[in-house]
Amino acid sequence: MNDFTCVVFISGTGSNLRAILEAIEKGALSGVKVAAVIADVDAPGLSFARDRGIPAHVPLADYSTREDWNRALVDCTAHYAPDLVVLAGFMRLLGAPMLEAFRGRIINTHPALLPAFPGAHGVRDALNYGVKVTGATVIDVDEGVDTGAIIDQRALTIRPGESEEELHERIKVIEREMLVDVIARRARNE
C-alpha cells in the first residue's frame, strides 16, 4: 500500500499530532505518513515533529499580510502533496486559497458536539450553557467557523462541578482517539 500522506497543522503542544504519530508507530494507522507539520506560531509541538525528522514550518512568521500568508500556506502544504490536511488544534481560520486548493481534504477537530458551541471556546460555552452532555467532533472544513460536514462525533457526560480545564482534558482524550479513527478511515478510502 502506498503512503497516505498527511500534513498536520498545529498551534500548541501537539497532543493531537503526538496521538497520530503514536498510532502510526503502533500500526493503527498502517500506510499513513505525516509528511510535514505546519504551525501558525512557534508552537512547542514543532520540536516534537523535528525530533522525529518531520519537516516543521511556521510560515505565518515570514509574511506581513494575510493574503501573502494564505498563498505561502498553500505553497508550503502543496509541496508535500498531501492526501489529507489535518487541523489538529490549529487556531487560525484558513483562507479561500487553502480551501480551494485542498477542498474535501481538510479535516478539523472541535471540542464540542457541533453544530452546538462552535468557535474557540466550545468547552467553556457548553459549561456556561449548562448542558449535561458534550463531546468532540471531527468535520470537513469549509468556509465557515466549525460549519463543515460532520464526519464523526463522540459524546461524554459532564461531571457535576467539573472545571473547564478538567472537562477539556477528558474531551481531548476522545478527540485524539476519534481523529486517529477518522484518518484511518480516510486512508482506507471509507
N, C-alpha and C. Protein backbone atom coordinates (compact mmCIF):
# COMPACT_ATOMS: atom_id res chain seq x y z
N MET A 1 0.84 -1.19 0.00
CA MET A 1 0.00 0.00 0.00
C MET A 1 0.88 1.24 0.00
N ASN A 2 0.58 2.20 -0.87
CA ASN A 2 1.30 3.46 -0.91
C ASN A 2 0.98 4.27 0.34
N ASP A 3 1.91 5.14 0.69
CA ASP A 3 1.66 6.00 1.83
C ASP A 3 0.48 6.92 1.57
N PHE A 4 -0.34 7.06 2.59
CA PHE A 4 -1.41 8.05 2.63
C PHE A 4 -0.80 9.23 3.37
N THR A 5 -0.55 10.30 2.67
CA THR A 5 0.24 11.40 3.21
C THR A 5 -0.64 12.47 3.85
N CYS A 6 -0.24 12.84 5.07
CA CYS A 6 -0.92 13.90 5.80
C CYS A 6 0.05 15.04 6.08
N VAL A 7 -0.48 16.25 6.06
CA VAL A 7 0.21 17.40 6.60
C VAL A 7 -0.64 17.83 7.79
N VAL A 8 0.00 17.99 8.94
CA VAL A 8 -0.72 18.30 10.18
C VAL A 8 -0.43 19.75 10.57
N PHE A 9 -1.50 20.50 10.85
CA PHE A 9 -1.40 21.89 11.29
C PHE A 9 -1.64 21.93 12.79
N ILE A 10 -0.78 22.65 13.51
CA ILE A 10 -0.92 22.77 14.96
C ILE A 10 -0.76 24.23 15.39
N SER A 11 -1.12 24.50 16.64
CA SER A 11 -0.89 25.81 17.24
C SER A 11 -0.30 25.71 18.64
N GLY A 12 -0.25 24.52 19.20
CA GLY A 12 0.17 24.39 20.59
C GLY A 12 1.15 23.27 20.82
N THR A 13 0.86 22.47 21.84
CA THR A 13 1.79 21.42 22.27
C THR A 13 1.86 20.24 21.31
N GLY A 14 0.87 20.09 20.47
CA GLY A 14 0.88 19.00 19.51
C GLY A 14 0.39 17.68 20.06
N SER A 15 -0.53 17.72 21.03
CA SER A 15 -1.03 16.46 21.61
C SER A 15 -1.77 15.62 20.58
N ASN A 16 -2.51 16.26 19.67
CA ASN A 16 -3.18 15.50 18.61
C ASN A 16 -2.14 14.95 17.63
N LEU A 17 -1.14 15.74 17.31
CA LEU A 17 -0.04 15.27 16.45
C LEU A 17 0.63 14.07 17.09
N ARG A 18 0.90 14.16 18.37
CA ARG A 18 1.54 13.06 19.09
C ARG A 18 0.69 11.79 19.00
N ALA A 19 -0.63 11.94 19.15
CA ALA A 19 -1.53 10.78 19.05
C ALA A 19 -1.47 10.15 17.66
N ILE A 20 -1.40 10.98 16.64
CA ILE A 20 -1.32 10.47 15.27
C ILE A 20 -0.01 9.71 15.07
N LEU A 21 1.09 10.31 15.51
CA LEU A 21 2.40 9.67 15.32
C LEU A 21 2.52 8.38 16.14
N GLU A 22 1.97 8.37 17.34
CA GLU A 22 1.99 7.14 18.14
C GLU A 22 1.15 6.05 17.49
N ALA A 23 0.01 6.44 16.89
CA ALA A 23 -0.83 5.45 16.20
C ALA A 23 -0.10 4.89 14.98
N ILE A 24 0.66 5.72 14.29
CA ILE A 24 1.46 5.25 13.15
C ILE A 24 2.50 4.25 13.65
N GLU A 25 3.20 4.61 14.73
CA GLU A 25 4.25 3.74 15.28
C GLU A 25 3.69 2.40 15.75
N LYS A 26 2.46 2.39 16.27
CA LYS A 26 1.85 1.16 16.77
C LYS A 26 1.16 0.35 15.68
N GLY A 27 1.10 0.89 14.46
CA GLY A 27 0.46 0.19 13.36
C GLY A 27 -1.03 0.43 13.22
N ALA A 28 -1.58 1.30 14.05
CA ALA A 28 -3.02 1.60 13.97
C ALA A 28 -3.34 2.48 12.76
N LEU A 29 -2.33 3.13 12.21
CA LEU A 29 -2.50 3.95 11.00
C LEU A 29 -1.56 3.41 9.92
N SER A 30 -1.76 2.16 9.59
CA SER A 30 -0.94 1.49 8.60
C SER A 30 -0.98 2.24 7.27
N GLY A 31 0.19 2.53 6.71
CA GLY A 31 0.27 3.21 5.43
C GLY A 31 0.17 4.72 5.52
N VAL A 32 -0.06 5.27 6.71
CA VAL A 32 -0.19 6.72 6.87
C VAL A 32 1.18 7.31 7.21
N LYS A 33 1.46 8.43 6.59
CA LYS A 33 2.72 9.14 6.81
C LYS A 33 2.42 10.61 7.08
N VAL A 34 3.02 11.17 8.12
CA VAL A 34 2.95 12.61 8.35
C VAL A 34 4.16 13.19 7.63
N ALA A 35 3.90 13.91 6.53
CA ALA A 35 4.97 14.44 5.69
C ALA A 35 5.54 15.74 6.24
N ALA A 36 4.71 16.52 6.94
CA ALA A 36 5.16 17.80 7.47
C ALA A 36 4.18 18.27 8.53
N VAL A 37 4.68 19.17 9.37
CA VAL A 37 3.86 19.83 10.37
C VAL A 37 3.99 21.34 10.14
N ILE A 38 2.87 22.01 10.15
CA ILE A 38 2.84 23.46 9.94
C ILE A 38 2.13 24.09 11.13
N ALA A 39 2.70 25.19 11.62
CA ALA A 39 2.09 25.90 12.74
C ALA A 39 1.95 27.38 12.39
N ASP A 40 1.02 28.03 13.08
CA ASP A 40 0.82 29.47 12.88
C ASP A 40 1.69 30.29 13.82
N VAL A 41 2.25 29.64 14.83
CA VAL A 41 3.16 30.27 15.79
C VAL A 41 4.29 29.29 16.07
N ASP A 42 5.31 29.75 16.77
CA ASP A 42 6.42 28.85 17.11
C ASP A 42 5.96 27.94 18.24
N ALA A 43 5.14 26.97 17.90
CA ALA A 43 4.46 26.11 18.87
C ALA A 43 5.39 25.02 19.40
N PRO A 44 5.21 24.63 20.67
CA PRO A 44 6.02 23.55 21.24
C PRO A 44 5.94 22.24 20.45
N GLY A 45 4.82 21.98 19.83
CA GLY A 45 4.65 20.75 19.06
C GLY A 45 5.59 20.65 17.87
N LEU A 46 6.14 21.77 17.41
CA LEU A 46 7.08 21.74 16.29
C LEU A 46 8.35 20.99 16.66
N SER A 47 8.80 21.17 17.89
CA SER A 47 10.00 20.45 18.36
C SER A 47 9.75 18.95 18.36
N PHE A 48 8.55 18.56 18.76
CA PHE A 48 8.18 17.15 18.77
C PHE A 48 8.31 16.57 17.36
N ALA A 49 7.84 17.32 16.36
CA ALA A 49 7.93 16.87 14.97
C ALA A 49 9.39 16.81 14.51
N ARG A 50 10.12 17.89 14.77
CA ARG A 50 11.52 17.94 14.33
C ARG A 50 12.35 16.82 14.95
N ASP A 51 12.07 16.51 16.22
CA ASP A 51 12.80 15.43 16.89
C ASP A 51 12.58 14.08 16.21
N ARG A 52 11.51 13.95 15.43
CA ARG A 52 11.21 12.72 14.72
C ARG A 52 11.57 12.81 13.23
N GLY A 53 12.27 13.87 12.87
CA GLY A 53 12.71 14.03 11.49
C GLY A 53 11.63 14.50 10.54
N ILE A 54 10.56 15.05 11.08
CA ILE A 54 9.46 15.53 10.24
C ILE A 54 9.66 17.03 10.01
N PRO A 55 9.66 17.47 8.74
CA PRO A 55 9.81 18.89 8.47
C PRO A 55 8.72 19.70 9.19
N ALA A 56 9.13 20.80 9.80
CA ALA A 56 8.21 21.64 10.56
C ALA A 56 8.37 23.08 10.12
N HIS A 57 7.24 23.75 9.89
CA HIS A 57 7.25 25.11 9.32
C HIS A 57 6.37 26.05 10.14
N VAL A 58 6.77 27.33 10.13
CA VAL A 58 5.95 28.39 10.72
C VAL A 58 5.84 29.49 9.66
N PRO A 59 5.06 29.28 8.61
CA PRO A 59 5.03 30.25 7.51
C PRO A 59 4.43 31.61 7.88
N LEU A 60 3.62 31.68 8.90
CA LEU A 60 2.99 32.95 9.26
C LEU A 60 4.03 33.99 9.66
N ALA A 61 5.10 33.56 10.28
CA ALA A 61 6.11 34.48 10.78
C ALA A 61 6.79 35.25 9.66
N ASP A 62 6.77 34.73 8.45
CA ASP A 62 7.51 35.34 7.34
C ASP A 62 6.71 36.31 6.48
N TYR A 63 5.43 36.53 6.80
CA TYR A 63 4.58 37.32 5.91
C TYR A 63 3.82 38.40 6.68
N SER A 64 3.80 39.58 6.10
CA SER A 64 3.15 40.70 6.79
C SER A 64 1.67 40.83 6.48
N THR A 65 1.20 40.24 5.38
CA THR A 65 -0.22 40.34 5.06
C THR A 65 -0.86 38.96 5.08
N ARG A 66 -2.13 38.96 5.35
CA ARG A 66 -2.89 37.71 5.37
C ARG A 66 -2.91 37.06 3.99
N GLU A 67 -3.02 37.87 2.96
CA GLU A 67 -3.05 37.36 1.59
C GLU A 67 -1.74 36.62 1.26
N ASP A 68 -0.62 37.23 1.62
CA ASP A 68 0.67 36.59 1.38
C ASP A 68 0.81 35.29 2.18
N TRP A 69 0.34 35.32 3.43
CA TRP A 69 0.40 34.14 4.27
C TRP A 69 -0.45 33.02 3.69
N ASN A 70 -1.66 33.34 3.23
CA ASN A 70 -2.53 32.32 2.64
C ASN A 70 -1.86 31.64 1.46
N ARG A 71 -1.24 32.44 0.59
CA ARG A 71 -0.57 31.87 -0.58
C ARG A 71 0.62 31.01 -0.15
N ALA A 72 1.40 31.49 0.82
CA ALA A 72 2.55 30.72 1.31
C ALA A 72 2.10 29.42 1.97
N LEU A 73 0.99 29.47 2.66
CA LEU A 73 0.46 28.27 3.31
C LEU A 73 0.08 27.22 2.28
N VAL A 74 -0.56 27.65 1.20
CA VAL A 74 -0.90 26.73 0.12
C VAL A 74 0.36 26.15 -0.50
N ASP A 75 1.34 27.00 -0.80
CA ASP A 75 2.57 26.54 -1.43
C ASP A 75 3.32 25.55 -0.53
N CYS A 76 3.43 25.89 0.75
CA CYS A 76 4.13 25.02 1.69
C CYS A 76 3.43 23.67 1.80
N THR A 77 2.12 23.69 1.90
CA THR A 77 1.34 22.45 2.03
C THR A 77 1.42 21.64 0.74
N ALA A 78 1.25 22.30 -0.39
CA ALA A 78 1.25 21.60 -1.69
C ALA A 78 2.58 20.92 -1.96
N HIS A 79 3.65 21.47 -1.44
CA HIS A 79 4.98 20.87 -1.62
C HIS A 79 4.99 19.39 -1.19
N TYR A 80 4.17 19.05 -0.21
CA TYR A 80 4.15 17.68 0.33
C TYR A 80 3.05 16.82 -0.30
N ALA A 81 2.28 17.38 -1.22
CA ALA A 81 1.23 16.64 -1.94
C ALA A 81 0.38 15.78 -1.01
N PRO A 82 -0.25 16.40 0.01
CA PRO A 82 -0.98 15.59 0.98
C PRO A 82 -2.30 15.03 0.44
N ASP A 83 -2.60 13.83 0.90
CA ASP A 83 -3.93 13.27 0.67
C ASP A 83 -4.93 13.90 1.64
N LEU A 84 -4.41 14.35 2.79
CA LEU A 84 -5.26 14.90 3.83
C LEU A 84 -4.49 15.97 4.61
N VAL A 85 -5.17 17.08 4.88
CA VAL A 85 -4.64 18.13 5.75
C VAL A 85 -5.42 18.02 7.05
N VAL A 86 -4.70 17.84 8.16
CA VAL A 86 -5.33 17.62 9.45
C VAL A 86 -5.10 18.85 10.33
N LEU A 87 -6.17 19.56 10.65
CA LEU A 87 -6.08 20.67 11.58
C LEU A 87 -6.21 20.07 12.97
N ALA A 88 -5.10 20.01 13.67
CA ALA A 88 -5.03 19.32 14.96
C ALA A 88 -4.73 20.34 16.05
N GLY A 89 -5.76 21.11 16.39
CA GLY A 89 -5.56 22.17 17.36
C GLY A 89 -5.04 23.45 16.71
N PHE A 90 -5.24 23.60 15.43
CA PHE A 90 -4.81 24.79 14.69
C PHE A 90 -5.83 25.90 14.94
N MET A 91 -5.36 27.03 15.43
CA MET A 91 -6.27 28.07 15.91
C MET A 91 -6.41 29.27 14.97
N ARG A 92 -6.27 29.05 13.69
CA ARG A 92 -6.48 30.10 12.69
C ARG A 92 -7.48 29.61 11.66
N LEU A 93 -8.22 30.56 11.12
CA LEU A 93 -9.12 30.24 10.02
C LEU A 93 -8.32 30.17 8.73
N LEU A 94 -8.62 29.19 7.93
CA LEU A 94 -7.96 29.07 6.64
C LEU A 94 -8.64 29.98 5.63
N GLY A 95 -7.84 30.59 4.78
CA GLY A 95 -8.37 31.46 3.75
C GLY A 95 -8.83 30.70 2.52
N ALA A 96 -9.48 31.42 1.63
CA ALA A 96 -10.02 30.83 0.41
C ALA A 96 -8.97 30.08 -0.41
N PRO A 97 -7.73 30.61 -0.56
CA PRO A 97 -6.76 29.85 -1.37
C PRO A 97 -6.51 28.44 -0.84
N MET A 98 -6.42 28.30 0.46
CA MET A 98 -6.17 26.97 1.06
C MET A 98 -7.39 26.07 0.87
N LEU A 99 -8.57 26.63 1.11
CA LEU A 99 -9.80 25.84 0.97
C LEU A 99 -10.02 25.41 -0.48
N GLU A 100 -9.68 26.27 -1.43
CA GLU A 100 -9.84 25.92 -2.84
C GLU A 100 -8.82 24.85 -3.26
N ALA A 101 -7.60 24.98 -2.78
CA ALA A 101 -6.55 24.06 -3.19
C ALA A 101 -6.75 22.65 -2.63
N PHE A 102 -7.36 22.57 -1.43
CA PHE A 102 -7.46 21.27 -0.76
C PHE A 102 -8.89 20.91 -0.36
N ARG A 103 -9.85 21.46 -1.07
CA ARG A 103 -11.27 21.20 -0.75
C ARG A 103 -11.55 19.71 -0.68
N GLY A 104 -12.25 19.33 0.41
CA GLY A 104 -12.59 17.93 0.61
C GLY A 104 -11.47 17.11 1.21
N ARG A 105 -10.32 17.75 1.44
CA ARG A 105 -9.17 17.04 2.00
C ARG A 105 -8.65 17.71 3.28
N ILE A 106 -9.48 18.54 3.91
CA ILE A 106 -9.08 19.20 5.15
C ILE A 106 -10.08 18.82 6.24
N ILE A 107 -9.55 18.28 7.35
CA ILE A 107 -10.42 17.95 8.48
C ILE A 107 -9.97 18.73 9.71
N ASN A 108 -10.90 18.90 10.64
CA ASN A 108 -10.63 19.65 11.86
C ASN A 108 -11.32 18.97 13.03
N THR A 109 -10.71 19.09 14.19
CA THR A 109 -11.33 18.62 15.43
C THR A 109 -11.93 19.81 16.16
N HIS A 110 -12.96 19.54 16.94
CA HIS A 110 -13.59 20.60 17.74
C HIS A 110 -14.07 20.00 19.06
N PRO A 111 -13.81 20.70 20.19
CA PRO A 111 -14.16 20.15 21.50
C PRO A 111 -15.60 20.44 21.93
N ALA A 112 -16.54 20.08 21.10
CA ALA A 112 -17.97 20.17 21.42
C ALA A 112 -18.72 19.34 20.39
N LEU A 113 -19.99 19.13 20.66
CA LEU A 113 -20.83 18.39 19.71
C LEU A 113 -21.45 19.40 18.75
N LEU A 114 -20.76 19.64 17.65
CA LEU A 114 -21.27 20.58 16.65
C LEU A 114 -22.59 20.06 16.09
N PRO A 115 -23.50 20.93 15.71
CA PRO A 115 -23.30 22.35 15.48
C PRO A 115 -23.39 23.23 16.74
N ALA A 116 -23.58 22.64 17.90
CA ALA A 116 -23.61 23.43 19.13
C ALA A 116 -22.20 23.89 19.50
N PHE A 117 -22.09 25.09 19.98
CA PHE A 117 -20.87 25.65 20.56
C PHE A 117 -19.68 25.69 19.61
N PRO A 118 -19.86 26.30 18.43
CA PRO A 118 -18.73 26.47 17.53
C PRO A 118 -17.79 27.56 18.06
N GLY A 119 -16.64 27.67 17.44
CA GLY A 119 -15.70 28.74 17.80
C GLY A 119 -14.66 28.29 18.79
N ALA A 120 -13.87 29.26 19.23
CA ALA A 120 -12.67 28.98 20.03
C ALA A 120 -12.94 28.54 21.46
N HIS A 121 -14.18 28.69 21.94
CA HIS A 121 -14.44 28.41 23.35
C HIS A 121 -15.57 27.39 23.54
N GLY A 122 -15.54 26.32 22.77
CA GLY A 122 -16.60 25.32 22.81
C GLY A 122 -16.80 24.69 24.18
N VAL A 123 -15.71 24.41 24.88
CA VAL A 123 -15.82 23.77 26.20
C VAL A 123 -16.45 24.75 27.19
N ARG A 124 -15.93 25.96 27.24
CA ARG A 124 -16.46 26.98 28.15
C ARG A 124 -17.93 27.28 27.83
N ASP A 125 -18.24 27.40 26.56
CA ASP A 125 -19.61 27.71 26.16
C ASP A 125 -20.58 26.61 26.58
N ALA A 126 -20.17 25.35 26.43
CA ALA A 126 -21.03 24.23 26.83
C ALA A 126 -21.27 24.25 28.34
N LEU A 127 -20.22 24.49 29.11
CA LEU A 127 -20.38 24.57 30.57
C LEU A 127 -21.28 25.74 30.97
N ASN A 128 -21.05 26.89 30.36
CA ASN A 128 -21.85 28.07 30.70
C ASN A 128 -23.32 27.90 30.34
N TYR A 129 -23.59 27.15 29.28
CA TYR A 129 -24.97 26.93 28.86
C TYR A 129 -25.67 25.93 29.78
N GLY A 130 -24.88 25.10 30.45
CA GLY A 130 -25.46 24.15 31.38
C GLY A 130 -25.84 22.81 30.80
N VAL A 131 -25.29 22.46 29.65
CA VAL A 131 -25.61 21.15 29.08
C VAL A 131 -25.05 20.04 29.97
N LYS A 132 -25.64 18.90 29.88
CA LYS A 132 -25.20 17.74 30.67
C LYS A 132 -24.29 16.80 29.87
N VAL A 133 -24.35 16.94 28.54
CA VAL A 133 -23.57 16.10 27.64
C VAL A 133 -22.86 17.01 26.64
N THR A 134 -21.61 16.74 26.41
CA THR A 134 -20.84 17.43 25.38
C THR A 134 -19.96 16.39 24.71
N GLY A 135 -18.89 16.80 24.07
CA GLY A 135 -18.03 15.82 23.43
C GLY A 135 -17.08 16.44 22.45
N ALA A 136 -16.79 15.71 21.39
CA ALA A 136 -15.86 16.17 20.37
C ALA A 136 -16.43 15.81 19.00
N THR A 137 -16.00 16.59 18.01
CA THR A 137 -16.46 16.42 16.64
C THR A 137 -15.27 16.53 15.70
N VAL A 138 -15.30 15.74 14.63
CA VAL A 138 -14.37 15.93 13.51
C VAL A 138 -15.23 16.31 12.31
N ILE A 139 -14.81 17.39 11.64
CA ILE A 139 -15.56 17.89 10.48
C ILE A 139 -14.67 18.03 9.26
N ASP A 140 -15.30 18.04 8.09
CA ASP A 140 -14.66 18.52 6.87
C ASP A 140 -14.70 20.03 6.93
N VAL A 141 -13.59 20.68 6.67
CA VAL A 141 -13.50 22.13 6.80
C VAL A 141 -14.12 22.80 5.57
N ASP A 142 -14.92 23.83 5.84
CA ASP A 142 -15.47 24.67 4.79
C ASP A 142 -15.17 26.13 5.14
N GLU A 143 -15.85 27.06 4.48
CA GLU A 143 -15.57 28.49 4.67
C GLU A 143 -16.05 29.03 6.01
N GLY A 144 -16.94 28.36 6.69
CA GLY A 144 -17.49 28.86 7.95
C GLY A 144 -16.63 28.48 9.15
N VAL A 145 -17.07 28.95 10.29
CA VAL A 145 -16.39 28.60 11.55
C VAL A 145 -17.07 27.37 12.13
N ASP A 146 -16.41 26.23 12.01
CA ASP A 146 -16.93 24.96 12.52
C ASP A 146 -18.29 24.59 11.93
N THR A 147 -18.47 24.87 10.63
CA THR A 147 -19.75 24.61 9.97
C THR A 147 -19.68 23.47 8.95
N GLY A 148 -18.52 22.86 8.79
CA GLY A 148 -18.37 21.81 7.79
C GLY A 148 -19.16 20.56 8.13
N ALA A 149 -19.24 19.68 7.14
CA ALA A 149 -19.97 18.42 7.32
C ALA A 149 -19.34 17.61 8.45
N ILE A 150 -20.19 17.07 9.30
CA ILE A 150 -19.72 16.28 10.43
C ILE A 150 -19.31 14.89 9.94
N ILE A 151 -18.09 14.50 10.27
CA ILE A 151 -17.57 13.18 9.91
C ILE A 151 -17.80 12.20 11.04
N ASP A 152 -17.54 12.64 12.27
CA ASP A 152 -17.69 11.78 13.43
C ASP A 152 -17.89 12.64 14.68
N GLN A 153 -18.56 12.07 15.66
CA GLN A 153 -18.76 12.72 16.95
C GLN A 153 -18.74 11.67 18.04
N ARG A 154 -18.24 12.09 19.21
CA ARG A 154 -18.29 11.24 20.39
C ARG A 154 -18.71 12.09 21.57
N ALA A 155 -19.60 11.53 22.36
CA ALA A 155 -20.16 12.28 23.48
C ALA A 155 -19.59 11.82 24.81
N LEU A 156 -19.66 12.71 25.78
CA LEU A 156 -19.37 12.34 27.16
C LEU A 156 -20.23 13.19 28.08
N THR A 157 -20.52 12.64 29.25
CA THR A 157 -21.35 13.31 30.24
C THR A 157 -20.48 14.23 31.07
N ILE A 158 -20.96 15.43 31.28
CA ILE A 158 -20.25 16.39 32.12
C ILE A 158 -20.46 16.01 33.58
N ARG A 159 -19.39 15.96 34.33
CA ARG A 159 -19.47 15.61 35.75
C ARG A 159 -19.88 16.82 36.57
N PRO A 160 -20.68 16.62 37.62
CA PRO A 160 -21.07 17.75 38.48
C PRO A 160 -19.83 18.46 39.04
N GLY A 161 -19.81 19.78 38.91
CA GLY A 161 -18.72 20.58 39.45
C GLY A 161 -17.43 20.54 38.65
N GLU A 162 -17.46 19.91 37.49
CA GLU A 162 -16.26 19.78 36.67
C GLU A 162 -15.82 21.16 36.15
N SER A 163 -14.52 21.43 36.23
CA SER A 163 -14.00 22.70 35.73
C SER A 163 -13.83 22.63 34.22
N GLU A 164 -13.65 23.77 33.61
CA GLU A 164 -13.41 23.83 32.17
C GLU A 164 -12.15 23.04 31.80
N GLU A 165 -11.10 23.20 32.60
CA GLU A 165 -9.84 22.51 32.32
C GLU A 165 -10.00 20.99 32.44
N GLU A 166 -10.68 20.54 33.47
CA GLU A 166 -10.90 19.09 33.65
C GLU A 166 -11.70 18.52 32.49
N LEU A 167 -12.78 19.22 32.13
CA LEU A 167 -13.62 18.75 31.03
C LEU A 167 -12.84 18.74 29.72
N HIS A 168 -12.08 19.79 29.50
CA HIS A 168 -11.32 19.86 28.24
C HIS A 168 -10.31 18.72 28.15
N GLU A 169 -9.67 18.36 29.25
CA GLU A 169 -8.72 17.24 29.23
C GLU A 169 -9.44 15.93 28.89
N ARG A 170 -10.64 15.73 29.43
CA ARG A 170 -11.39 14.50 29.10
C ARG A 170 -11.82 14.50 27.64
N ILE A 171 -12.20 15.67 27.14
CA ILE A 171 -12.59 15.77 25.73
C ILE A 171 -11.40 15.48 24.82
N LYS A 172 -10.23 15.97 25.19
CA LYS A 172 -9.04 15.74 24.37
C LYS A 172 -8.74 14.25 24.19
N VAL A 173 -9.02 13.46 25.20
CA VAL A 173 -8.79 12.02 25.10
C VAL A 173 -9.66 11.41 23.99
N ILE A 174 -10.95 11.72 23.99
CA ILE A 174 -11.81 11.16 22.95
C ILE A 174 -11.55 11.82 21.60
N GLU A 175 -11.15 13.08 21.62
CA GLU A 175 -10.83 13.79 20.38
C GLU A 175 -9.66 13.11 19.67
N ARG A 176 -8.62 12.76 20.43
CA ARG A 176 -7.45 12.11 19.83
C ARG A 176 -7.81 10.74 19.27
N GLU A 177 -8.58 9.95 20.01
CA GLU A 177 -8.99 8.63 19.53
C GLU A 177 -9.81 8.74 18.25
N MET A 178 -10.74 9.68 18.25
CA MET A 178 -11.61 9.86 17.10
C MET A 178 -10.81 10.34 15.89
N LEU A 179 -9.89 11.26 16.10
CA LEU A 179 -9.08 11.78 15.00
C LEU A 179 -8.28 10.65 14.34
N VAL A 180 -7.68 9.80 15.13
CA VAL A 180 -6.94 8.65 14.59
C VAL A 180 -7.89 7.75 13.79
N ASP A 181 -9.07 7.49 14.32
CA ASP A 181 -10.04 6.65 13.61
C ASP A 181 -10.45 7.25 12.28
N VAL A 182 -10.69 8.57 12.26
CA VAL A 182 -11.11 9.24 11.02
C VAL A 182 -9.99 9.18 9.99
N ILE A 183 -8.76 9.44 10.41
CA ILE A 183 -7.63 9.36 9.48
C ILE A 183 -7.51 7.94 8.92
N ALA A 184 -7.66 6.94 9.78
CA ALA A 184 -7.58 5.54 9.32
C ALA A 184 -8.66 5.26 8.27
N ARG A 185 -9.88 5.73 8.52
CA ARG A 185 -10.96 5.51 7.54
C ARG A 185 -10.68 6.22 6.24
N ARG A 186 -10.16 7.44 6.30
CA ARG A 186 -9.83 8.16 5.07
C ARG A 186 -8.72 7.43 4.32
N ALA A 187 -7.73 6.94 5.03
CA ALA A 187 -6.63 6.23 4.39
C ALA A 187 -7.12 4.97 3.69
N ARG A 188 -8.17 4.35 4.23
CA ARG A 188 -8.76 3.15 3.61
C ARG A 188 -9.81 3.53 2.57
N ASN A 189 -10.00 4.82 2.34
CA ASN A 189 -10.98 5.32 1.36
C ASN A 189 -12.41 5.06 1.77
N GLU A 190 -12.71 5.07 3.06
CA GLU A 190 -14.06 4.82 3.54
C GLU A 190 -14.81 6.13 3.71
